[in-house]
Structures are given as structure tokens and as C-alpha cells.
mmCIF file of all heavy atoms, coordinates in Angstrom:
data_MODEL
# 
_entry.id   MODEL 
# 
loop_
_atom_site.group_PDB 
_atom_site.id 
_atom_site.type_symbol 
_atom_site.label_atom_id 
_atom_site.label_alt_id 
_atom_site.label_comp_id 
_atom_site.label_asym_id 
_atom_site.label_entity_id 
_atom_site.label_seq_id 
_atom_site.pdbx_PDB_ins_code 
_atom_site.Cartn_x 
_atom_site.Cartn_y 
_atom_site.Cartn_z 
_atom_site.occupancy 
_atom_site.B_iso_or_equiv 
_atom_site.pdbx_formal_charge 
_atom_site.auth_seq_id 
_atom_site.auth_comp_id 
_atom_site.auth_asym_id 
_atom_site.auth_atom_id 
_atom_site.pdbx_PDB_model_num 
ATOM 1   N N   . ASP A 1 1  ? 116.905 198.424 140.631 1.00 0.00 ? 1  ASP A N   1 
ATOM 2   C CA  . ASP A 1 1  ? 116.036 197.211 140.381 1.00 0.00 ? 1  ASP A CA  1 
ATOM 3   C C   . ASP A 1 1  ? 114.618 197.547 141.053 1.00 0.00 ? 1  ASP A C   1 
ATOM 4   O O   . ASP A 1 1  ? 114.530 197.351 142.359 1.00 0.00 ? 1  ASP A O   1 
ATOM 5   C CB  . ASP A 1 1  ? 116.562 195.926 140.869 1.00 0.00 ? 1  ASP A CB  1 
ATOM 6   C CG  . ASP A 1 1  ? 115.721 194.662 140.462 1.00 0.00 ? 1  ASP A CG  1 
ATOM 7   O OD1 . ASP A 1 1  ? 114.596 194.978 140.002 1.00 0.00 ? 1  ASP A OD1 1 
ATOM 8   O OD2 . ASP A 1 1  ? 116.232 193.675 140.598 1.00 0.00 ? 1  ASP A OD2 1 
ATOM 9   N N   . ASP A 1 2  ? 113.617 198.076 140.393 1.00 0.00 ? 2  ASP A N   1 
ATOM 10  C CA  . ASP A 1 2  ? 112.340 198.352 141.028 1.00 0.00 ? 2  ASP A CA  1 
ATOM 11  C C   . ASP A 1 2  ? 111.450 197.071 141.153 1.00 0.00 ? 2  ASP A C   1 
ATOM 12  O O   . ASP A 1 2  ? 110.354 197.088 141.532 1.00 0.00 ? 2  ASP A O   1 
ATOM 13  C CB  . ASP A 1 2  ? 111.626 199.315 140.177 1.00 0.00 ? 2  ASP A CB  1 
ATOM 14  C CG  . ASP A 1 2  ? 111.330 199.007 138.707 1.00 0.00 ? 2  ASP A CG  1 
ATOM 15  O OD1 . ASP A 1 2  ? 111.612 197.844 138.389 1.00 0.00 ? 2  ASP A OD1 1 
ATOM 16  O OD2 . ASP A 1 2  ? 110.809 199.843 137.906 1.00 0.00 ? 2  ASP A OD2 1 
ATOM 17  N N   . GLN A 1 3  ? 112.124 195.973 140.761 1.00 0.00 ? 3  GLN A N   1 
ATOM 18  C CA  . GLN A 1 3  ? 111.379 194.564 141.014 1.00 0.00 ? 3  GLN A CA  1 
ATOM 19  C C   . GLN A 1 3  ? 112.337 193.789 142.102 1.00 0.00 ? 3  GLN A C   1 
ATOM 20  O O   . GLN A 1 3  ? 112.179 192.582 142.096 1.00 0.00 ? 3  GLN A O   1 
ATOM 21  C CB  . GLN A 1 3  ? 111.282 193.865 139.737 1.00 0.00 ? 3  GLN A CB  1 
ATOM 22  C CG  . GLN A 1 3  ? 110.602 194.444 138.532 1.00 0.00 ? 3  GLN A CG  1 
ATOM 23  C CD  . GLN A 1 3  ? 109.124 194.801 138.939 1.00 0.00 ? 3  GLN A CD  1 
ATOM 24  O OE1 . GLN A 1 3  ? 108.429 193.860 139.533 1.00 0.00 ? 3  GLN A OE1 1 
ATOM 25  N NE2 . GLN A 1 3  ? 108.602 195.947 138.803 1.00 0.00 ? 3  GLN A NE2 1 
ATOM 26  N N   . PHE A 1 4  ? 113.000 194.525 142.863 1.00 0.00 ? 4  PHE A N   1 
ATOM 27  C CA  . PHE A 1 4  ? 113.792 193.808 143.890 1.00 0.00 ? 4  PHE A CA  1 
ATOM 28  C C   . PHE A 1 4  ? 112.953 193.033 144.863 1.00 0.00 ? 4  PHE A C   1 
ATOM 29  O O   . PHE A 1 4  ? 111.870 193.451 145.321 1.00 0.00 ? 4  PHE A O   1 
ATOM 30  C CB  . PHE A 1 4  ? 114.645 194.803 144.688 1.00 0.00 ? 4  PHE A CB  1 
ATOM 31  C CG  . PHE A 1 4  ? 115.599 194.436 145.630 1.00 0.00 ? 4  PHE A CG  1 
ATOM 32  C CD1 . PHE A 1 4  ? 116.817 193.878 145.117 1.00 0.00 ? 4  PHE A CD1 1 
ATOM 33  C CD2 . PHE A 1 4  ? 115.390 194.350 147.027 1.00 0.00 ? 4  PHE A CD2 1 
ATOM 34  C CE1 . PHE A 1 4  ? 117.786 193.452 145.945 1.00 0.00 ? 4  PHE A CE1 1 
ATOM 35  C CE2 . PHE A 1 4  ? 116.264 193.940 147.855 1.00 0.00 ? 4  PHE A CE2 1 
ATOM 36  C CZ  . PHE A 1 4  ? 117.601 193.496 147.507 1.00 0.00 ? 4  PHE A CZ  1 
ATOM 37  N N   . THR A 1 5  ? 113.302 191.752 145.149 1.00 0.00 ? 5  THR A N   1 
ATOM 38  C CA  . THR A 1 5  ? 112.491 190.979 146.042 1.00 0.00 ? 5  THR A CA  1 
ATOM 39  C C   . THR A 1 5  ? 113.481 190.133 147.001 1.00 0.00 ? 5  THR A C   1 
ATOM 40  O O   . THR A 1 5  ? 114.684 190.108 146.832 1.00 0.00 ? 5  THR A O   1 
ATOM 41  C CB  . THR A 1 5  ? 111.763 189.856 145.221 1.00 0.00 ? 5  THR A CB  1 
ATOM 42  O OG1 . THR A 1 5  ? 112.730 188.990 144.584 1.00 0.00 ? 5  THR A OG1 1 
ATOM 43  C CG2 . THR A 1 5  ? 110.872 190.528 144.166 1.00 0.00 ? 5  THR A CG2 1 
ATOM 44  N N   . PHE A 1 6  ? 112.766 189.613 148.001 1.00 0.00 ? 6  PHE A N   1 
ATOM 45  C CA  . PHE A 1 6  ? 113.480 188.837 149.092 1.00 0.00 ? 6  PHE A CA  1 
ATOM 46  C C   . PHE A 1 6  ? 114.141 187.627 148.343 1.00 0.00 ? 6  PHE A C   1 
ATOM 47  O O   . PHE A 1 6  ? 115.272 187.270 148.589 1.00 0.00 ? 6  PHE A O   1 
ATOM 48  C CB  . PHE A 1 6  ? 112.617 188.349 150.116 1.00 0.00 ? 6  PHE A CB  1 
ATOM 49  C CG  . PHE A 1 6  ? 113.227 187.520 151.187 1.00 0.00 ? 6  PHE A CG  1 
ATOM 50  C CD1 . PHE A 1 6  ? 113.869 188.261 152.246 1.00 0.00 ? 6  PHE A CD1 1 
ATOM 51  C CD2 . PHE A 1 6  ? 113.257 186.171 151.190 1.00 0.00 ? 6  PHE A CD2 1 
ATOM 52  C CE1 . PHE A 1 6  ? 114.468 187.539 153.357 1.00 0.00 ? 6  PHE A CE1 1 
ATOM 53  C CE2 . PHE A 1 6  ? 113.930 185.397 152.146 1.00 0.00 ? 6  PHE A CE2 1 
ATOM 54  C CZ  . PHE A 1 6  ? 114.535 186.124 153.277 1.00 0.00 ? 6  PHE A CZ  1 
ATOM 55  N N   . ALA A 1 7  ? 113.475 187.160 147.376 1.00 0.00 ? 7  ALA A N   1 
ATOM 56  C CA  . ALA A 1 7  ? 114.030 185.901 146.656 1.00 0.00 ? 7  ALA A CA  1 
ATOM 57  C C   . ALA A 1 7  ? 115.279 186.209 145.859 1.00 0.00 ? 7  ALA A C   1 
ATOM 58  O O   . ALA A 1 7  ? 116.138 185.502 145.845 1.00 0.00 ? 7  ALA A O   1 
ATOM 59  C CB  . ALA A 1 7  ? 112.927 185.309 145.727 1.00 0.00 ? 7  ALA A CB  1 
ATOM 60  N N   . LYS A 1 8  ? 115.276 187.396 145.276 1.00 0.00 ? 8  LYS A N   1 
ATOM 61  C CA  . LYS A 1 8  ? 116.509 187.798 144.474 1.00 0.00 ? 8  LYS A CA  1 
ATOM 62  C C   . LYS A 1 8  ? 117.623 188.077 145.484 1.00 0.00 ? 8  LYS A C   1 
ATOM 63  O O   . LYS A 1 8  ? 118.825 187.676 145.310 1.00 0.00 ? 8  LYS A O   1 
ATOM 64  C CB  . LYS A 1 8  ? 116.185 189.100 143.809 1.00 0.00 ? 8  LYS A CB  1 
ATOM 65  C CG  . LYS A 1 8  ? 115.359 188.963 142.551 1.00 0.00 ? 8  LYS A CG  1 
ATOM 66  C CD  . LYS A 1 8  ? 115.292 190.289 141.942 1.00 0.00 ? 8  LYS A CD  1 
ATOM 67  C CE  . LYS A 1 8  ? 114.313 190.199 140.670 1.00 0.00 ? 8  LYS A CE  1 
ATOM 68  N NZ  . LYS A 1 8  ? 114.234 191.563 139.880 1.00 0.00 ? 8  LYS A NZ  1 
ATOM 69  N N   . LEU A 1 9  ? 117.321 188.697 146.595 1.00 0.00 ? 9  LEU A N   1 
ATOM 70  C CA  . LEU A 1 9  ? 118.369 188.886 147.701 1.00 0.00 ? 9  LEU A CA  1 
ATOM 71  C C   . LEU A 1 9  ? 118.850 187.522 148.134 1.00 0.00 ? 9  LEU A C   1 
ATOM 72  O O   . LEU A 1 9  ? 120.192 187.342 148.289 1.00 0.00 ? 9  LEU A O   1 
ATOM 73  C CB  . LEU A 1 9  ? 117.709 189.696 148.848 1.00 0.00 ? 9  LEU A CB  1 
ATOM 74  C CG  . LEU A 1 9  ? 118.589 189.950 150.085 1.00 0.00 ? 9  LEU A CG  1 
ATOM 75  C CD1 . LEU A 1 9  ? 119.815 190.708 149.778 1.00 0.00 ? 9  LEU A CD1 1 
ATOM 76  C CD2 . LEU A 1 9  ? 117.934 190.640 151.163 1.00 0.00 ? 9  LEU A CD2 1 
ATOM 77  N N   . SER A 1 10 ? 117.956 186.646 148.387 1.00 0.00 ? 10 SER A N   1 
ATOM 78  C CA  . SER A 1 10 ? 118.489 185.272 148.824 1.00 0.00 ? 10 SER A CA  1 
ATOM 79  C C   . SER A 1 10 ? 119.458 184.586 147.807 1.00 0.00 ? 10 SER A C   1 
ATOM 80  O O   . SER A 1 10 ? 120.470 184.001 148.158 1.00 0.00 ? 10 SER A O   1 
ATOM 81  C CB  . SER A 1 10 ? 117.319 184.334 149.165 1.00 0.00 ? 10 SER A CB  1 
ATOM 82  O OG  . SER A 1 10 ? 116.511 184.939 150.164 1.00 0.00 ? 10 SER A OG  1 
ATOM 83  N N   . ARG A 1 11 ? 119.064 184.665 146.575 1.00 0.00 ? 11 ARG A N   1 
ATOM 84  C CA  . ARG A 1 11 ? 119.780 184.025 145.506 1.00 0.00 ? 11 ARG A CA  1 
ATOM 85  C C   . ARG A 1 11 ? 121.137 184.827 145.377 1.00 0.00 ? 11 ARG A C   1 
ATOM 86  O O   . ARG A 1 11 ? 122.198 184.132 145.232 1.00 0.00 ? 11 ARG A O   1 
ATOM 87  C CB  . ARG A 1 11 ? 119.050 184.301 144.126 1.00 0.00 ? 11 ARG A CB  1 
ATOM 88  C CG  . ARG A 1 11 ? 119.607 183.353 143.016 1.00 0.00 ? 11 ARG A CG  1 
ATOM 89  C CD  . ARG A 1 11 ? 118.780 183.555 141.714 1.00 0.00 ? 11 ARG A CD  1 
ATOM 90  N NE  . ARG A 1 11 ? 119.387 182.992 140.654 1.00 0.00 ? 11 ARG A NE  1 
ATOM 91  C CZ  . ARG A 1 11 ? 118.962 183.104 139.380 1.00 0.00 ? 11 ARG A CZ  1 
ATOM 92  N NH1 . ARG A 1 11 ? 117.822 183.779 139.223 1.00 0.00 ? 11 ARG A NH1 1 
ATOM 93  N NH2 . ARG A 1 11 ? 119.576 182.530 138.315 1.00 0.00 ? 11 ARG A NH2 1 
ATOM 94  N N   . ALA A 1 12 ? 121.248 186.085 145.568 1.00 0.00 ? 12 ALA A N   1 
ATOM 95  C CA  . ALA A 1 12 ? 122.521 186.737 145.428 1.00 0.00 ? 12 ALA A CA  1 
ATOM 96  C C   . ALA A 1 12 ? 123.351 186.278 146.482 1.00 0.00 ? 12 ALA A C   1 
ATOM 97  O O   . ALA A 1 12 ? 124.547 186.088 146.411 1.00 0.00 ? 12 ALA A O   1 
ATOM 98  C CB  . ALA A 1 12 ? 122.334 188.290 145.528 1.00 0.00 ? 12 ALA A CB  1 
ATOM 99  N N   . CYS A 1 13 ? 122.802 186.198 147.752 1.00 0.00 ? 13 CYS A N   1 
ATOM 100 C CA  . CYS A 1 13 ? 123.592 185.793 148.930 1.00 0.00 ? 13 CYS A CA  1 
ATOM 101 C C   . CYS A 1 13 ? 124.147 184.376 148.737 1.00 0.00 ? 13 CYS A C   1 
ATOM 102 O O   . CYS A 1 13 ? 125.260 184.030 149.086 1.00 0.00 ? 13 CYS A O   1 
ATOM 103 C CB  . CYS A 1 13 ? 122.895 185.732 150.236 1.00 0.00 ? 13 CYS A CB  1 
ATOM 104 S SG  . CYS A 1 13 ? 122.413 187.642 150.686 1.00 0.00 ? 13 CYS A SG  1 
ATOM 105 N N   . GLY A 1 14 ? 123.377 183.472 148.088 1.00 0.00 ? 14 GLY A N   1 
ATOM 106 C CA  . GLY A 1 14 ? 123.856 182.154 147.811 1.00 0.00 ? 14 GLY A CA  1 
ATOM 107 C C   . GLY A 1 14 ? 125.016 182.149 146.920 1.00 0.00 ? 14 GLY A C   1 
ATOM 108 O O   . GLY A 1 14 ? 125.977 181.422 147.168 1.00 0.00 ? 14 GLY A O   1 
ATOM 109 N N   . TYR A 1 15 ? 125.027 182.939 145.902 1.00 0.00 ? 15 TYR A N   1 
ATOM 110 C CA  . TYR A 1 15 ? 126.150 183.063 144.940 1.00 0.00 ? 15 TYR A CA  1 
ATOM 111 C C   . TYR A 1 15 ? 127.346 183.575 145.664 1.00 0.00 ? 15 TYR A C   1 
ATOM 112 O O   . TYR A 1 15 ? 128.520 183.252 145.576 1.00 0.00 ? 15 TYR A O   1 
ATOM 113 C CB  . TYR A 1 15 ? 125.903 183.956 143.736 1.00 0.00 ? 15 TYR A CB  1 
ATOM 114 C CG  . TYR A 1 15 ? 124.887 183.346 142.822 1.00 0.00 ? 15 TYR A CG  1 
ATOM 115 C CD1 . TYR A 1 15 ? 123.804 184.158 142.352 1.00 0.00 ? 15 TYR A CD1 1 
ATOM 116 C CD2 . TYR A 1 15 ? 124.889 182.045 142.401 1.00 0.00 ? 15 TYR A CD2 1 
ATOM 117 C CE1 . TYR A 1 15 ? 122.847 183.538 141.497 1.00 0.00 ? 15 TYR A CE1 1 
ATOM 118 C CE2 . TYR A 1 15 ? 123.947 181.533 141.516 1.00 0.00 ? 15 TYR A CE2 1 
ATOM 119 C CZ  . TYR A 1 15 ? 122.906 182.312 141.173 1.00 0.00 ? 15 TYR A CZ  1 
ATOM 120 O OH  . TYR A 1 15 ? 121.869 181.756 140.286 1.00 0.00 ? 15 TYR A OH  1 
ATOM 121 N N   . LEU A 1 16 ? 127.072 184.610 146.649 1.00 0.00 ? 16 LEU A N   1 
ATOM 122 C CA  . LEU A 1 16 ? 128.264 185.309 147.262 1.00 0.00 ? 16 LEU A CA  1 
ATOM 123 C C   . LEU A 1 16 ? 128.876 184.415 148.406 1.00 0.00 ? 16 LEU A C   1 
ATOM 124 O O   . LEU A 1 16 ? 129.944 184.816 148.944 1.00 0.00 ? 16 LEU A O   1 
ATOM 125 C CB  . LEU A 1 16 ? 127.719 186.681 147.826 1.00 0.00 ? 16 LEU A CB  1 
ATOM 126 C CG  . LEU A 1 16 ? 127.540 187.700 146.699 1.00 0.00 ? 16 LEU A CG  1 
ATOM 127 C CD1 . LEU A 1 16 ? 126.739 188.808 147.356 1.00 0.00 ? 16 LEU A CD1 1 
ATOM 128 C CD2 . LEU A 1 16 ? 128.804 188.209 146.089 1.00 0.00 ? 16 LEU A CD2 1 
ATOM 129 N N   . ARG A 1 17 ? 128.323 183.245 148.666 1.00 0.00 ? 17 ARG A N   1 
ATOM 130 C CA  . ARG A 1 17 ? 128.979 182.334 149.633 1.00 0.00 ? 17 ARG A CA  1 
ATOM 131 C C   . ARG A 1 17 ? 130.301 181.910 149.055 1.00 0.00 ? 17 ARG A C   1 
ATOM 132 O O   . ARG A 1 17 ? 131.198 181.459 149.747 1.00 0.00 ? 17 ARG A O   1 
ATOM 133 C CB  . ARG A 1 17 ? 128.099 181.316 150.048 1.00 0.00 ? 17 ARG A CB  1 
ATOM 134 C CG  . ARG A 1 17 ? 126.833 181.743 150.841 1.00 0.00 ? 17 ARG A CG  1 
ATOM 135 C CD  . ARG A 1 17 ? 126.006 180.571 151.308 1.00 0.00 ? 17 ARG A CD  1 
ATOM 136 N NE  . ARG A 1 17 ? 126.619 179.574 152.097 1.00 0.00 ? 17 ARG A NE  1 
ATOM 137 C CZ  . ARG A 1 17 ? 126.198 178.392 152.538 1.00 0.00 ? 17 ARG A CZ  1 
ATOM 138 N NH1 . ARG A 1 17 ? 125.016 178.098 152.065 1.00 0.00 ? 17 ARG A NH1 1 
ATOM 139 N NH2 . ARG A 1 17 ? 126.928 177.660 153.308 1.00 0.00 ? 17 ARG A NH2 1 
ATOM 140 N N   . ASP A 1 18 ? 130.427 181.879 147.671 1.00 0.00 ? 18 ASP A N   1 
ATOM 141 C CA  . ASP A 1 18 ? 131.590 181.468 146.946 1.00 0.00 ? 18 ASP A CA  1 
ATOM 142 C C   . ASP A 1 18 ? 132.507 182.545 147.094 1.00 0.00 ? 18 ASP A C   1 
ATOM 143 O O   . ASP A 1 18 ? 132.251 183.700 146.451 1.00 0.00 ? 18 ASP A O   1 
ATOM 144 C CB  . ASP A 1 18 ? 131.258 181.125 145.588 1.00 0.00 ? 18 ASP A CB  1 
ATOM 145 C CG  . ASP A 1 18 ? 132.463 180.656 144.749 1.00 0.00 ? 18 ASP A CG  1 
ATOM 146 O OD1 . ASP A 1 18 ? 133.552 180.825 145.226 1.00 0.00 ? 18 ASP A OD1 1 
ATOM 147 O OD2 . ASP A 1 18 ? 132.312 180.145 143.613 1.00 0.00 ? 18 ASP A OD2 1 
ATOM 148 N N   . PRO A 1 19 ? 133.775 182.496 147.641 1.00 0.00 ? 19 PRO A N   1 
ATOM 149 C CA  . PRO A 1 19 ? 134.740 183.591 147.792 1.00 0.00 ? 19 PRO A CA  1 
ATOM 150 C C   . PRO A 1 19 ? 135.226 184.068 146.447 1.00 0.00 ? 19 PRO A C   1 
ATOM 151 O O   . PRO A 1 19 ? 135.830 185.145 146.296 1.00 0.00 ? 19 PRO A O   1 
ATOM 152 C CB  . PRO A 1 19 ? 135.741 183.027 148.629 1.00 0.00 ? 19 PRO A CB  1 
ATOM 153 C CG  . PRO A 1 19 ? 135.665 181.662 148.616 1.00 0.00 ? 19 PRO A CG  1 
ATOM 154 C CD  . PRO A 1 19 ? 134.252 181.254 148.387 1.00 0.00 ? 19 PRO A CD  1 
ATOM 155 N N   . GLN A 1 20 ? 135.060 183.219 145.407 1.00 0.00 ? 20 GLN A N   1 
ATOM 156 C CA  . GLN A 1 20 ? 135.477 183.692 143.934 1.00 0.00 ? 20 GLN A CA  1 
ATOM 157 C C   . GLN A 1 20 ? 134.439 184.523 143.341 1.00 0.00 ? 20 GLN A C   1 
ATOM 158 O O   . GLN A 1 20 ? 134.788 185.062 142.156 1.00 0.00 ? 20 GLN A O   1 
ATOM 159 C CB  . GLN A 1 20 ? 135.867 182.439 143.214 1.00 0.00 ? 20 GLN A CB  1 
ATOM 160 C CG  . GLN A 1 20 ? 137.064 181.675 143.560 1.00 0.00 ? 20 GLN A CG  1 
ATOM 161 C CD  . GLN A 1 20 ? 137.482 180.622 142.517 1.00 0.00 ? 20 GLN A CD  1 
ATOM 162 O OE1 . GLN A 1 20 ? 136.766 179.621 142.427 1.00 0.00 ? 20 GLN A OE1 1 
ATOM 163 N NE2 . GLN A 1 20 ? 138.595 180.970 141.826 1.00 0.00 ? 20 GLN A NE2 1 
ATOM 164 N N   . CYS A 1 21 ? 133.253 184.701 143.831 1.00 0.00 ? 21 CYS A N   1 
ATOM 165 C CA  . CYS A 1 21 ? 132.243 185.443 143.254 1.00 0.00 ? 21 CYS A CA  1 
ATOM 166 C C   . CYS A 1 21 ? 132.335 186.931 143.871 1.00 0.00 ? 21 CYS A C   1 
ATOM 167 O O   . CYS A 1 21 ? 132.306 187.098 145.136 1.00 0.00 ? 21 CYS A O   1 
ATOM 168 C CB  . CYS A 1 21 ? 130.939 184.897 143.686 1.00 0.00 ? 21 CYS A CB  1 
ATOM 169 S SG  . CYS A 1 21 ? 129.467 185.837 142.984 1.00 0.00 ? 21 CYS A SG  1 
ATOM 170 N N   . ILE A 1 22 ? 132.572 187.871 142.981 1.00 0.00 ? 22 ILE A N   1 
ATOM 171 C CA  . ILE A 1 22 ? 132.680 189.256 143.482 1.00 0.00 ? 22 ILE A CA  1 
ATOM 172 C C   . ILE A 1 22 ? 131.307 189.960 143.546 1.00 0.00 ? 22 ILE A C   1 
ATOM 173 O O   . ILE A 1 22 ? 130.424 189.663 142.817 1.00 0.00 ? 22 ILE A O   1 
ATOM 174 C CB  . ILE A 1 22 ? 133.702 190.028 142.623 1.00 0.00 ? 22 ILE A CB  1 
ATOM 175 C CG1 . ILE A 1 22 ? 133.195 190.146 141.181 1.00 0.00 ? 22 ILE A CG1 1 
ATOM 176 C CG2 . ILE A 1 22 ? 135.072 189.418 142.724 1.00 0.00 ? 22 ILE A CG2 1 
ATOM 177 C CD1 . ILE A 1 22 ? 134.168 190.980 140.247 1.00 0.00 ? 22 ILE A CD1 1 
ATOM 178 N N   . LEU A 1 23 ? 131.226 191.016 144.422 1.00 0.00 ? 23 LEU A N   1 
ATOM 179 C CA  . LEU A 1 23 ? 130.037 191.685 144.541 1.00 0.00 ? 23 LEU A CA  1 
ATOM 180 C C   . LEU A 1 23 ? 130.365 193.181 143.932 1.00 0.00 ? 23 LEU A C   1 
ATOM 181 O O   . LEU A 1 23 ? 131.240 193.892 144.420 1.00 0.00 ? 23 LEU A O   1 
ATOM 182 C CB  . LEU A 1 23 ? 129.572 191.920 145.945 1.00 0.00 ? 23 LEU A CB  1 
ATOM 183 C CG  . LEU A 1 23 ? 128.437 192.802 146.277 1.00 0.00 ? 23 LEU A CG  1 
ATOM 184 C CD1 . LEU A 1 23 ? 127.157 192.525 145.466 1.00 0.00 ? 23 LEU A CD1 1 
ATOM 185 C CD2 . LEU A 1 23 ? 128.154 192.953 147.843 1.00 0.00 ? 23 LEU A CD2 1 
ATOM 186 N N   . VAL A 1 24 ? 129.637 193.645 142.968 1.00 0.00 ? 24 VAL A N   1 
ATOM 187 C CA  . VAL A 1 24 ? 129.847 194.885 142.316 1.00 0.00 ? 24 VAL A CA  1 
ATOM 188 C C   . VAL A 1 24 ? 128.564 195.703 142.234 1.00 0.00 ? 24 VAL A C   1 
ATOM 189 O O   . VAL A 1 24 ? 127.406 195.085 141.999 1.00 0.00 ? 24 VAL A O   1 
ATOM 190 C CB  . VAL A 1 24 ? 130.303 194.706 140.866 1.00 0.00 ? 24 VAL A CB  1 
ATOM 191 C CG1 . VAL A 1 24 ? 130.499 195.968 140.115 1.00 0.00 ? 24 VAL A CG1 1 
ATOM 192 C CG2 . VAL A 1 24 ? 131.527 193.893 140.843 1.00 0.00 ? 24 VAL A CG2 1 
ATOM 193 N N   . ALA A 1 25 ? 128.556 196.989 142.498 1.00 0.00 ? 25 ALA A N   1 
ATOM 194 C CA  . ALA A 1 25 ? 127.459 197.853 142.417 1.00 0.00 ? 25 ALA A CA  1 
ATOM 195 C C   . ALA A 1 25 ? 127.644 198.947 141.356 1.00 0.00 ? 25 ALA A C   1 
ATOM 196 O O   . ALA A 1 25 ? 128.716 199.435 141.208 1.00 0.00 ? 25 ALA A O   1 
ATOM 197 C CB  . ALA A 1 25 ? 127.175 198.543 143.850 1.00 0.00 ? 25 ALA A CB  1 
ATOM 198 N N   . THR A 1 26 ? 126.605 199.192 140.667 1.00 0.00 ? 26 THR A N   1 
ATOM 199 C CA  . THR A 1 26 ? 126.761 200.226 139.625 1.00 0.00 ? 26 THR A CA  1 
ATOM 200 C C   . THR A 1 26 ? 127.046 201.663 140.098 1.00 0.00 ? 26 THR A C   1 
ATOM 201 O O   . THR A 1 26 ? 127.769 202.417 139.510 1.00 0.00 ? 26 THR A O   1 
ATOM 202 C CB  . THR A 1 26 ? 125.480 200.330 138.583 1.00 0.00 ? 26 THR A CB  1 
ATOM 203 O OG1 . THR A 1 26 ? 124.393 200.624 139.525 1.00 0.00 ? 26 THR A OG1 1 
ATOM 204 C CG2 . THR A 1 26 ? 125.309 198.988 137.993 1.00 0.00 ? 26 THR A CG2 1 
ATOM 205 N N   . ASP A 1 27 ? 126.384 201.944 141.300 1.00 0.00 ? 27 ASP A N   1 
ATOM 206 C CA  . ASP A 1 27 ? 126.545 203.324 141.869 1.00 0.00 ? 27 ASP A CA  1 
ATOM 207 C C   . ASP A 1 27 ? 126.095 203.275 143.291 1.00 0.00 ? 27 ASP A C   1 
ATOM 208 O O   . ASP A 1 27 ? 125.508 202.339 143.665 1.00 0.00 ? 27 ASP A O   1 
ATOM 209 C CB  . ASP A 1 27 ? 125.680 204.329 141.008 1.00 0.00 ? 27 ASP A CB  1 
ATOM 210 C CG  . ASP A 1 27 ? 124.198 203.974 141.218 1.00 0.00 ? 27 ASP A CG  1 
ATOM 211 O OD1 . ASP A 1 27 ? 123.683 203.159 140.365 1.00 0.00 ? 27 ASP A OD1 1 
ATOM 212 O OD2 . ASP A 1 27 ? 123.553 204.573 142.082 1.00 0.00 ? 27 ASP A OD2 1 
ATOM 213 N N   . PRO A 1 28 ? 126.483 204.328 144.048 1.00 0.00 ? 28 PRO A N   1 
ATOM 214 C CA  . PRO A 1 28 ? 126.159 204.390 145.520 1.00 0.00 ? 28 PRO A CA  1 
ATOM 215 C C   . PRO A 1 28 ? 124.941 205.193 145.874 1.00 0.00 ? 28 PRO A C   1 
ATOM 216 O O   . PRO A 1 28 ? 124.608 205.455 147.006 1.00 0.00 ? 28 PRO A O   1 
ATOM 217 C CB  . PRO A 1 28 ? 127.423 205.093 146.125 1.00 0.00 ? 28 PRO A CB  1 
ATOM 218 C CG  . PRO A 1 28 ? 127.865 206.062 145.019 1.00 0.00 ? 28 PRO A CG  1 
ATOM 219 C CD  . PRO A 1 28 ? 127.430 205.430 143.674 1.00 0.00 ? 28 PRO A CD  1 
ATOM 220 N N   . ASP A 1 29 ? 124.129 205.830 144.785 1.00 0.00 ? 29 ASP A N   1 
ATOM 221 C CA  . ASP A 1 29 ? 123.083 206.681 145.031 1.00 0.00 ? 29 ASP A CA  1 
ATOM 222 C C   . ASP A 1 29 ? 121.978 206.096 145.993 1.00 0.00 ? 29 ASP A C   1 
ATOM 223 O O   . ASP A 1 29 ? 121.455 205.024 145.613 1.00 0.00 ? 29 ASP A O   1 
ATOM 224 C CB  . ASP A 1 29 ? 122.521 207.109 143.703 1.00 0.00 ? 29 ASP A CB  1 
ATOM 225 C CG  . ASP A 1 29 ? 123.374 207.921 142.962 1.00 0.00 ? 29 ASP A CG  1 
ATOM 226 O OD1 . ASP A 1 29 ? 124.543 208.230 143.205 1.00 0.00 ? 29 ASP A OD1 1 
ATOM 227 O OD2 . ASP A 1 29 ? 122.939 208.545 141.817 1.00 0.00 ? 29 ASP A OD2 1 
ATOM 228 N N   . PRO A 1 30 ? 121.799 206.644 147.130 1.00 0.00 ? 30 PRO A N   1 
ATOM 229 C CA  . PRO A 1 30 ? 120.915 205.964 148.091 1.00 0.00 ? 30 PRO A CA  1 
ATOM 230 C C   . PRO A 1 30 ? 119.421 206.204 147.655 1.00 0.00 ? 30 PRO A C   1 
ATOM 231 O O   . PRO A 1 30 ? 118.528 205.308 148.126 1.00 0.00 ? 30 PRO A O   1 
ATOM 232 C CB  . PRO A 1 30 ? 121.208 206.649 149.331 1.00 0.00 ? 30 PRO A CB  1 
ATOM 233 C CG  . PRO A 1 30 ? 121.790 208.000 148.985 1.00 0.00 ? 30 PRO A CG  1 
ATOM 234 C CD  . PRO A 1 30 ? 122.477 207.891 147.679 1.00 0.00 ? 30 PRO A CD  1 
ATOM 235 N N   . TRP A 1 31 ? 119.117 207.161 147.027 1.00 0.00 ? 31 TRP A N   1 
ATOM 236 C CA  . TRP A 1 31 ? 117.714 207.512 146.576 1.00 0.00 ? 31 TRP A CA  1 
ATOM 237 C C   . TRP A 1 31 ? 117.769 208.530 145.338 1.00 0.00 ? 31 TRP A C   1 
ATOM 238 O O   . TRP A 1 31 ? 118.706 208.991 144.983 1.00 0.00 ? 31 TRP A O   1 
ATOM 239 C CB  . TRP A 1 31 ? 116.856 208.240 147.641 1.00 0.00 ? 31 TRP A CB  1 
ATOM 240 C CG  . TRP A 1 31 ? 117.630 209.422 148.244 1.00 0.00 ? 31 TRP A CG  1 
ATOM 241 C CD1 . TRP A 1 31 ? 118.487 209.580 149.299 1.00 0.00 ? 31 TRP A CD1 1 
ATOM 242 C CD2 . TRP A 1 31 ? 117.416 210.806 147.757 1.00 0.00 ? 31 TRP A CD2 1 
ATOM 243 N NE1 . TRP A 1 31 ? 118.854 210.781 149.565 1.00 0.00 ? 31 TRP A NE1 1 
ATOM 244 C CE2 . TRP A 1 31 ? 118.294 211.536 148.597 1.00 0.00 ? 31 TRP A CE2 1 
ATOM 245 C CE3 . TRP A 1 31 ? 116.634 211.359 146.743 1.00 0.00 ? 31 TRP A CE3 1 
ATOM 246 C CZ2 . TRP A 1 31 ? 118.335 212.947 148.424 1.00 0.00 ? 31 TRP A CZ2 1 
ATOM 247 C CZ3 . TRP A 1 31 ? 116.833 212.702 146.590 1.00 0.00 ? 31 TRP A CZ3 1 
ATOM 248 C CH2 . TRP A 1 31 ? 117.624 213.613 147.408 1.00 0.00 ? 31 TRP A CH2 1 
# 
């Protein structure tokens, strides 16, 4: 996501406070 922002990060964290919401990543490539 080349448009990654603090607002998006905050929104993601809000959803993840729900234990039924899973966190998934497409890949681990650091750069």
C-alpha cells in the first residue's frame, strides 16, 4: 500500500480489537 497512512493504521487497529477479526498479510517481503 503506497498510500499507507496513520489513519489507516488506526482504523485497522480498531477492527483488530475484536478477537473475532483476523489479521492476514499477503506476503512477508520487507522491501
